[in-house]
Amino acid sequence: MLDLNPYPFRWAGSGAANQALLKAGVMDDTEDFSKLDDPEFIAERRRVRALVERTPTDEQSPELLRQYQAIDAEFLRRAGLAWAAAQ
């Protein structure tokens, strides 16, 4: 059976790598992605997605996954607006 869950990542404990990024200020899970222009937004989405894909599942922090989910929600919002405008 095909898994259609858009967030297939297991919620794990705090990964050391992810915590280090949060503490260093590289990541901020409270960032308002709607304020980024399209090129900045796509670059940030690509960066966070790469972090999620490179981090072992058992080391993915809830903060990283929340940030990825927030970016994904903003991506879907922007796609919906673009689609509606094209109709």
PDB file of N, CA and C in Angstrom:
ATOM      1  N   MET A   1       0.837  -1.176   0.000  1.00  0.00           N
ATOM      2  CA  MET A   1       0.000   0.000   0.000  1.00  0.00           C
ATOM      3  C   MET A   1       0.885   1.243   0.000  1.00  0.00           C
ATOM      4  N   LEU A   2       0.514   2.223  -0.786  1.00  0.00           N
ATOM      5  CA  LEU A   2       1.269   3.470  -0.904  1.00  0.00           C
ATOM      6  C   LEU A   2       0.981   4.366   0.290  1.00  0.00           C
ATOM      7  N   ASP A   3       2.029   4.855   0.942  1.00  0.00           N
ATOM      8  CA  ASP A   3       1.878   5.750   2.083  1.00  0.00           C
ATOM      9  C   ASP A   3       1.696   7.176   1.568  1.00  0.00           C
ATOM     10  N   LEU A   4       0.530   7.755   1.784  1.00  0.00           N
ATOM     11  CA  LEU A   4       0.233   9.095   1.299  1.00  0.00           C
ATOM     12  C   LEU A   4       0.432  10.170   2.359  1.00  0.00           C
ATOM     13  N   ASN A   5       1.005   9.810   3.487  1.00  0.00           N
ATOM     14  CA  ASN A   5       1.262  10.764   4.553  1.00  0.00           C
ATOM     15  C   ASN A   5       2.285  11.786   4.068  1.00  0.00           C
ATOM     16  N   PRO A   6       1.929  13.098   4.058  1.00  0.00           N
ATOM     17  CA  PRO A   6       2.894  14.100   3.585  1.00  0.00           C
ATOM     18  C   PRO A   6       4.046  14.319   4.558  1.00  0.00           C
ATOM     19  N   TYR A   7       3.933  13.800   5.785  1.00  0.00           N
ATOM     20  CA  TYR A   7       4.971  13.942   6.784  1.00  0.00           C
ATOM     21  C   TYR A   7       5.376  12.562   7.281  1.00  0.00           C
ATOM     22  N   PRO A   8       6.122  11.802   6.460  1.00  0.00           N
ATOM     23  CA  PRO A   8       6.421  10.425   6.834  1.00  0.00           C
ATOM     24  C   PRO A   8       7.514  10.284   7.883  1.00  0.00           C
ATOM     25  N   PHE A   9       7.978  11.396   8.437  1.00  0.00           N
ATOM     26  CA  PHE A   9       9.090  11.334   9.367  1.00  0.00           C
ATOM     27  C   PHE A   9       8.596  10.999  10.767  1.00  0.00           C
ATOM     28  N   ARG A  10       9.287  10.105  11.421  1.00  0.00           N
ATOM     29  CA  ARG A  10       8.952   9.732  12.793  1.00  0.00           C
ATOM     30  C   ARG A  10       9.387  10.847  13.734  1.00  0.00           C
ATOM     31  N   TRP A  11       8.521  11.230  14.660  1.00  0.00           N
ATOM     32  CA  TRP A  11       8.887  12.231  15.654  1.00  0.00           C
ATOM     33  C   TRP A  11       9.837  11.593  16.631  1.00  0.00           C
ATOM     34  N   ALA A  12      11.047  12.069  16.645  1.00  0.00           N
ATOM     35  CA  ALA A  12      12.084  11.474  17.481  1.00  0.00           C
ATOM     36  C   ALA A  12      12.474  12.446  18.585  1.00  0.00           C
ATOM     37  N   GLY A  13      13.359  12.000  19.412  1.00  0.00           N
ATOM     38  CA  GLY A  13      13.899  12.860  20.461  1.00  0.00           C
ATOM     39  C   GLY A  13      14.768  13.946  19.861  1.00  0.00           C
ATOM     40  N   SER A  14      15.375  14.713  20.686  1.00  0.00           N
ATOM     41  CA  SER A  14      16.195  15.823  20.222  1.00  0.00           C
ATOM     42  C   SER A  14      17.495  15.313  19.626  1.00  0.00           C
ATOM     43  N   GLY A  15      17.664  15.506  18.332  1.00  0.00           N
ATOM     44  CA  GLY A  15      18.907  15.147  17.674  1.00  0.00           C
ATOM     45  C   GLY A  15      19.982  16.172  17.984  1.00  0.00           C
ATOM     46  N   ALA A  16      21.170  15.726  18.295  1.00  0.00           N
ATOM     47  CA  ALA A  16      22.257  16.634  18.666  1.00  0.00           C
ATOM     48  C   ALA A  16      22.572  17.619  17.546  1.00  0.00           C
ATOM     49  N   ALA A  17      22.560  17.139  16.309  1.00  0.00           N
ATOM     50  CA  ALA A  17      22.869  18.024  15.178  1.00  0.00           C
ATOM     51  C   ALA A  17      21.804  19.107  15.028  1.00  0.00           C
ATOM     52  N   ASN A  18      20.545  18.724  15.162  1.00  0.00           N
ATOM     53  CA  ASN A  18      19.466  19.692  15.027  1.00  0.00           C
ATOM     54  C   ASN A  18      19.498  20.707  16.163  1.00  0.00           C
ATOM     55  N   GLN A  19      19.762  20.260  17.374  1.00  0.00           N
ATOM     56  CA  GLN A  19      19.830  21.165  18.516  1.00  0.00           C
ATOM     57  C   GLN A  19      20.973  22.154  18.342  1.00  0.00           C
ATOM     58  N   ALA A  20      22.083  21.696  17.813  1.00  0.00           N
ATOM     59  CA  ALA A  20      23.221  22.586  17.589  1.00  0.00           C
ATOM     60  C   ALA A  20      22.850  23.679  16.593  1.00  0.00           C
ATOM     61  N   LEU A  21      22.107  23.322  15.539  1.00  0.00           N
ATOM     62  CA  LEU A  21      21.678  24.316  14.556  1.00  0.00           C
ATOM     63  C   LEU A  21      20.733  25.335  15.181  1.00  0.00           C
ATOM     64  N   LEU A  22      19.806  24.869  16.008  1.00  0.00           N
ATOM     65  CA  LEU A  22      18.883  25.789  16.670  1.00  0.00           C
ATOM     66  C   LEU A  22      19.633  26.745  17.594  1.00  0.00           C
ATOM     67  N   LYS A  23      20.564  26.204  18.377  1.00  0.00           N
ATOM     68  CA  LYS A  23      21.322  27.032  19.312  1.00  0.00           C
ATOM     69  C   LYS A  23      22.210  28.029  18.591  1.00  0.00           C
ATOM     70  N   ALA A  24      22.716  27.655  17.434  1.00  0.00           N
ATOM     71  CA  ALA A  24      23.599  28.535  16.666  1.00  0.00           C
ATOM     72  C   ALA A  24      22.818  29.608  15.919  1.00  0.00           C
ATOM     73  N   GLY A  25      21.495  29.496  15.931  1.00  0.00           N
ATOM     74  CA  GLY A  25      20.683  30.490  15.241  1.00  0.00           C
ATOM     75  C   GLY A  25      20.549  30.241  13.765  1.00  0.00           C
ATOM     76  N   VAL A  26      21.009  29.086  13.295  1.00  0.00           N
ATOM     77  CA  VAL A  26      20.886  28.765  11.878  1.00  0.00           C
ATOM     78  C   VAL A  26      19.438  28.445  11.550  1.00  0.00           C
ATOM     79  N   MET A  27      18.742  27.827  12.480  1.00  0.00           N
ATOM     80  CA  MET A  27      17.346  27.478  12.294  1.00  0.00           C
ATOM     81  C   MET A  27      16.511  28.240  13.305  1.00  0.00           C
ATOM     82  N   ASP A  28      15.307  28.577  12.909  1.00  0.00           N
ATOM     83  CA  ASP A  28      14.361  29.212  13.815  1.00  0.00           C
ATOM     84  C   ASP A  28      12.986  28.715  13.450  1.00  0.00           C
ATOM     85  N   ASP A  29      12.409  27.845  14.284  1.00  0.00           N
ATOM     86  CA  ASP A  29      11.132  27.245  13.938  1.00  0.00           C
ATOM     87  C   ASP A  29       9.960  28.203  14.124  1.00  0.00           C
ATOM     88  N   THR A  30      10.227  29.446  14.553  1.00  0.00           N
ATOM     89  CA  THR A  30       9.161  30.431  14.667  1.00  0.00           C
ATOM     90  C   THR A  30       9.183  31.398  13.488  1.00  0.00           C
ATOM     91  N   GLU A  31      10.079  31.194  12.549  1.00  0.00           N
ATOM     92  CA  GLU A  31      10.201  32.089  11.404  1.00  0.00           C
ATOM     93  C   GLU A  31       8.906  32.124  10.610  1.00  0.00           C
ATOM     94  N   ASP A  32       8.512  33.321  10.161  1.00  0.00           N
ATOM     95  CA  ASP A  32       7.315  33.487   9.340  1.00  0.00           C
ATOM     96  C   ASP A  32       7.727  33.381   7.873  1.00  0.00           C
ATOM     97  N   PHE A  33       7.511  32.215   7.304  1.00  0.00           N
ATOM     98  CA  PHE A  33       7.948  31.965   5.933  1.00  0.00           C
ATOM     99  C   PHE A  33       7.140  32.751   4.909  1.00  0.00           C
ATOM    100  N   SER A  34       5.969  33.231   5.283  1.00  0.00           N
ATOM    101  CA  SER A  34       5.149  33.996   4.338  1.00  0.00           C
ATOM    102  C   SER A  34       5.781  35.348   4.003  1.00  0.00           C
ATOM    103  N   LYS A  35       6.741  35.791   4.823  1.00  0.00           N
ATOM    104  CA  LYS A  35       7.405  37.073   4.573  1.00  0.00           C
ATOM    105  C   LYS A  35       8.553  36.962   3.580  1.00  0.00           C
ATOM    106  N   LEU A  36       8.974  35.744   3.250  1.00  0.00           N
ATOM    107  CA  LEU A  36      10.076  35.546   2.304  1.00  0.00           C
ATOM    108  C   LEU A  36       9.563  35.670   0.878  1.00  0.00           C
ATOM    109  N   ASP A  37      10.385  36.266  -0.006  1.00  0.00           N
ATOM    110  CA  ASP A  37       9.983  36.258  -1.405  1.00  0.00           C
ATOM    111  C   ASP A  37      10.198  34.847  -1.962  1.00  0.00           C
ATOM    112  N   ASP A  38       9.701  34.586  -3.161  1.00  0.00           N
ATOM    113  CA  ASP A  38       9.729  33.226  -3.694  1.00  0.00           C
ATOM    114  C   ASP A  38      11.128  32.612  -3.764  1.00  0.00           C
ATOM    115  N   PRO A  39      12.136  33.313  -4.309  1.00  0.00           N
ATOM    116  CA  PRO A  39      13.470  32.698  -4.360  1.00  0.00           C
ATOM    117  C   PRO A  39      14.040  32.392  -2.974  1.00  0.00           C
ATOM    118  N   GLU A  40      13.848  33.302  -2.022  1.00  0.00           N
ATOM    119  CA  GLU A  40      14.327  33.055  -0.656  1.00  0.00           C
ATOM    120  C   GLU A  40      13.588  31.876  -0.026  1.00  0.00           C
ATOM    121  N   PHE A  41      12.283  31.824  -0.258  1.00  0.00           N
ATOM    122  CA  PHE A  41      11.482  30.751   0.300  1.00  0.00           C
ATOM    123  C   PHE A  41      11.906  29.393  -0.250  1.00  0.00           C
ATOM    124  N   ILE A  42      12.078  29.310  -1.561  1.00  0.00           N
ATOM    125  CA  ILE A  42      12.479  28.046  -2.182  1.00  0.00           C
ATOM    126  C   ILE A  42      13.856  27.624  -1.680  1.00  0.00           C
ATOM    127  N   ALA A  43      14.774  28.572  -1.524  1.00  0.00           N
ATOM    128  CA  ALA A  43      16.112  28.244  -1.015  1.00  0.00           C
ATOM    129  C   ALA A  43      16.028  27.711   0.419  1.00  0.00           C
ATOM    130  N   GLU A  44      15.197  28.328   1.263  1.00  0.00           N
ATOM    131  CA  GLU A  44      15.049  27.877   2.644  1.00  0.00           C
ATOM    132  C   GLU A  44      14.380  26.501   2.683  1.00  0.00           C
ATOM    133  N   ARG A  45      13.393  26.295   1.836  1.00  0.00           N
ATOM    134  CA  ARG A  45      12.720  24.985   1.787  1.00  0.00           C
ATOM    135  C   ARG A  45      13.709  23.895   1.372  1.00  0.00           C
ATOM    136  N   ARG A  46      14.527  24.202   0.381  1.00  0.00           N
ATOM    137  CA  ARG A  46      15.531  23.245  -0.087  1.00  0.00           C
ATOM    138  C   ARG A  46      16.537  22.918   1.024  1.00  0.00           C
ATOM    139  N   ARG A  47      16.961  23.944   1.775  1.00  0.00           N
ATOM    140  CA  ARG A  47      17.929  23.751   2.853  1.00  0.00           C
ATOM    141  C   ARG A  47      17.355  22.883   3.969  1.00  0.00           C
ATOM    142  N   VAL A  48      16.135  23.191   4.391  1.00  0.00           N
ATOM    143  CA  VAL A  48      15.525  22.432   5.485  1.00  0.00           C
ATOM    144  C   VAL A  48      15.208  21.011   5.034  1.00  0.00           C
ATOM    145  N   ARG A  49      14.725  20.863   3.815  1.00  0.00           N
ATOM    146  CA  ARG A  49      14.442  19.513   3.312  1.00  0.00           C
ATOM    147  C   ARG A  49      15.718  18.672   3.270  1.00  0.00           C
ATOM    148  N   ALA A  50      16.813  19.274   2.845  1.00  0.00           N
ATOM    149  CA  ALA A  50      18.086  18.548   2.813  1.00  0.00           C
ATOM    150  C   ALA A  50      18.502  18.127   4.219  1.00  0.00           C
ATOM    151  N   LEU A  51      18.302  18.993   5.210  1.00  0.00           N
ATOM    152  CA  LEU A  51      18.612  18.636   6.598  1.00  0.00           C
ATOM    153  C   LEU A  51      17.777  17.436   7.046  1.00  0.00           C
ATOM    154  N   VAL A  52      16.495  17.458   6.732  1.00  0.00           N
ATOM    155  CA  VAL A  52      15.612  16.350   7.118  1.00  0.00           C
ATOM    156  C   VAL A  52      16.047  15.063   6.439  1.00  0.00           C
ATOM    157  N   GLU A  53      16.366  15.145   5.155  1.00  0.00           N
ATOM    158  CA  GLU A  53      16.747  13.943   4.414  1.00  0.00           C
ATOM    159  C   GLU A  53      18.099  13.387   4.850  1.00  0.00           C
ATOM    160  N   ARG A  54      19.025  14.259   5.267  1.00  0.00           N
ATOM    161  CA  ARG A  54      20.366  13.806   5.668  1.00  0.00           C
ATOM    162  C   ARG A  54      20.440  13.341   7.118  1.00  0.00           C
ATOM    163  N   THR A  55      19.501  13.788   7.944  1.00  0.00           N
ATOM    164  CA  THR A  55      19.536  13.450   9.367  1.00  0.00           C
ATOM    165  C   THR A  55      18.873  12.098   9.584  1.00  0.00           C
ATOM    166  N   PRO A  56      19.554  11.162  10.243  1.00  0.00           N
ATOM    167  CA  PRO A  56      18.925   9.867  10.528  1.00  0.00           C
ATOM    168  C   PRO A  56      17.611  10.063  11.294  1.00  0.00           C
ATOM    169  N   THR A  57      16.646   9.226  11.007  1.00  0.00           N
ATOM    170  CA  THR A  57      15.315   9.352  11.603  1.00  0.00           C
ATOM    171  C   THR A  57      15.356   9.438  13.118  1.00  0.00           C
ATOM    172  N   ASP A  58      16.208   8.647  13.737  1.00  0.00           N
ATOM    173  CA  ASP A  58      16.249   8.647  15.202  1.00  0.00           C
ATOM    174  C   ASP A  58      16.955   9.872  15.781  1.00  0.00           C
ATOM    175  N   GLU A  59      17.502  10.737  14.927  1.00  0.00           N
ATOM    176  CA  GLU A  59      18.157  11.962  15.392  1.00  0.00           C
ATOM    177  C   GLU A  59      17.396  13.223  14.992  1.00  0.00           C
ATOM    178  N   GLN A  60      16.272  13.082  14.283  1.00  0.00           N
ATOM    179  CA  GLN A  60      15.508  14.245  13.854  1.00  0.00           C
ATOM    180  C   GLN A  60      14.787  14.853  15.045  1.00  0.00           C
ATOM    181  N   SER A  61      15.022  16.130  15.259  1.00  0.00           N
ATOM    182  CA  SER A  61      14.391  16.802  16.393  1.00  0.00           C
ATOM    183  C   SER A  61      12.981  17.242  16.024  1.00  0.00           C
ATOM    184  N   PRO A  62      12.117  17.359  17.019  1.00  0.00           N
ATOM    185  CA  PRO A  62      10.770  17.883  16.759  1.00  0.00           C
ATOM    186  C   PRO A  62      10.812  19.288  16.159  1.00  0.00           C
ATOM    187  N   GLU A  63      11.802  20.091  16.549  1.00  0.00           N
ATOM    188  CA  GLU A  63      11.921  21.449  16.018  1.00  0.00           C
ATOM    189  C   GLU A  63      12.178  21.434  14.517  1.00  0.00           C
ATOM    190  N   LEU A  64      13.079  20.574  14.073  1.00  0.00           N
ATOM    191  CA  LEU A  64      13.376  20.476  12.648  1.00  0.00           C
ATOM    192  C   LEU A  64      12.141  20.023  11.883  1.00  0.00           C
ATOM    193  N   LEU A  65      11.445  19.040  12.390  1.00  0.00           N
ATOM    194  CA  LEU A  65      10.267  18.533  11.696  1.00  0.00           C
ATOM    195  C   LEU A  65       9.129  19.538  11.702  1.00  0.00           C
ATOM    196  N   ARG A  66       8.967  20.298  12.778  1.00  0.00           N
ATOM    197  CA  ARG A  66       7.943  21.355  12.802  1.00  0.00           C
ATOM    198  C   ARG A  66       8.275  22.428  11.779  1.00  0.00           C
ATOM    199  N   GLN A  67       9.558  22.752  11.676  1.00  0.00           N
ATOM    200  CA  GLN A  67       9.955  23.756  10.698  1.00  0.00           C
ATOM    201  C   GLN A  67       9.669  23.252   9.278  1.00  0.00           C
ATOM    202  N   TYR A  68       9.973  22.001   9.020  1.00  0.00           N
ATOM    203  CA  TYR A  68       9.712  21.441   7.697  1.00  0.00           C
ATOM    204  C   TYR A  68       8.210  21.425   7.408  1.00  0.00           C
ATOM    205  N   GLN A  69       7.405  21.084   8.382  1.00  0.00           N
ATOM    206  CA  GLN A  69       5.961  21.085   8.193  1.00  0.00           C
ATOM    207  C   GLN A  69       5.438  22.498   7.944  1.00  0.00           C
ATOM    208  N   ALA A  70       5.980  23.490   8.634  1.00  0.00           N
ATOM    209  CA  ALA A  70       5.568  24.874   8.422  1.00  0.00           C
ATOM    210  C   ALA A  70       5.943  25.338   7.020  1.00  0.00           C
ATOM    211  N   ILE A  71       7.122  24.967   6.570  1.00  0.00           N
ATOM    212  CA  ILE A  71       7.548  25.318   5.211  1.00  0.00           C
ATOM    213  C   ILE A  71       6.650  24.630   4.186  1.00  0.00           C
ATOM    214  N   ASP A  72       6.335  23.374   4.428  1.00  0.00           N
ATOM    215  CA  ASP A  72       5.477  22.631   3.511  1.00  0.00           C
ATOM    216  C   ASP A  72       4.082  23.248   3.443  1.00  0.00           C
ATOM    217  N   ALA A  73       3.545  23.656   4.593  1.00  0.00           N
ATOM    218  CA  ALA A  73       2.225  24.298   4.615  1.00  0.00           C
ATOM    219  C   ALA A  73       2.251  25.610   3.831  1.00  0.00           C
ATOM    220  N   GLU A  74       3.327  26.385   3.978  1.00  0.00           N
ATOM    221  CA  GLU A  74       3.458  27.634   3.226  1.00  0.00           C
ATOM    222  C   GLU A  74       3.595  27.355   1.732  1.00  0.00           C
ATOM    223  N   PHE A  75       4.319  26.307   1.379  1.00  0.00           N
ATOM    224  CA  PHE A  75       4.457  25.929  -0.028  1.00  0.00           C
ATOM    225  C   PHE A  75       3.086  25.606  -0.625  1.00  0.00           C
ATOM    226  N   LEU A  76       2.295  24.816   0.097  1.00  0.00           N
ATOM    227  CA  LEU A  76       0.956  24.455  -0.386  1.00  0.00           C
ATOM    228  C   LEU A  76       0.039  25.676  -0.470  1.00  0.00           C
ATOM    229  N   ARG A  77       0.177  26.604   0.482  1.00  0.00           N
ATOM    230  CA  ARG A  77      -0.617  27.839   0.440  1.00  0.00           C
ATOM    231  C   ARG A  77      -0.283  28.647  -0.806  1.00  0.00           C
ATOM    232  N   ARG A  78       1.017  28.807  -1.072  1.00  0.00           N
ATOM    233  CA  ARG A  78       1.440  29.569  -2.252  1.00  0.00           C
ATOM    234  C   ARG A  78       1.014  28.880  -3.543  1.00  0.00           C
ATOM    235  N   ALA A  79       1.128  27.569  -3.583  1.00  0.00           N
ATOM    236  CA  ALA A  79       0.709  26.831  -4.782  1.00  0.00           C
ATOM    237  C   ALA A  79      -0.792  26.993  -5.005  1.00  0.00           C
ATOM    238  N   GLY A  80      -1.574  26.941  -3.929  1.00  0.00           N
ATOM    239  CA  GLY A  80      -3.025  27.128  -4.049  1.00  0.00           C
ATOM    240  C   GLY A  80      -3.383  28.496  -4.564  1.00  0.00           C
ATOM    241  N   LEU A  81      -2.685  29.527  -4.091  1.00  0.00           N
ATOM    242  CA  LEU A  81      -2.935  30.888  -4.576  1.00  0.00           C
ATOM    243  C   LEU A  81      -2.576  31.011  -6.056  1.00  0.00           C
ATOM    244  N   ALA A  82      -1.452  30.444  -6.447  1.00  0.00           N
ATOM    245  CA  ALA A  82      -1.044  30.510  -7.848  1.00  0.00           C
ATOM    246  C   ALA A  82      -2.029  29.758  -8.739  1.00  0.00           C
ATOM    247  N   TRP A  83      -2.484  28.613  -8.261  1.00  0.00           N
ATOM    248  CA  TRP A  83      -3.433  27.810  -9.037  1.00  0.00           C
ATOM    249  C   TRP A  83      -4.760  28.556  -9.191  1.00  0.00           C
ATOM    250  N   ALA A  84      -5.254  29.149  -8.087  1.00  0.00           N
ATOM    251  CA  ALA A  84      -6.519  29.879  -8.124  1.00  0.00           C
ATOM    252  C   ALA A  84      -6.428  31.091  -9.054  1.00  0.00           C
ATOM    253  N   ALA A  85      -5.287  31.764  -9.061  1.00  0.00           N
ATOM    254  CA  ALA A  85      -5.104  32.928  -9.928  1.00  0.00           C
ATOM    255  C   ALA A  85      -5.082  32.527 -11.398  1.00  0.00           C
ATOM    256  N   ALA A  86      -4.643  31.320 -11.679  1.00  0.00           N
ATOM    257  CA  ALA A  86      -4.553  30.847 -13.067  1.00  0.00           C
ATOM    258  C   ALA A  86      -5.910  30.369 -13.604  1.00  0.00           C
ATOM    259  N   GLN A  87      -6.868  30.189 -12.725  1.00  0.00           N
ATOM    260  CA  GLN A  87      -8.174  29.667 -13.152  1.00  0.00           C
ATOM    261  C   GLN A  87      -9.047  30.748 -13.740  1.00  0.00           C
TER     262      GLN A  87
END
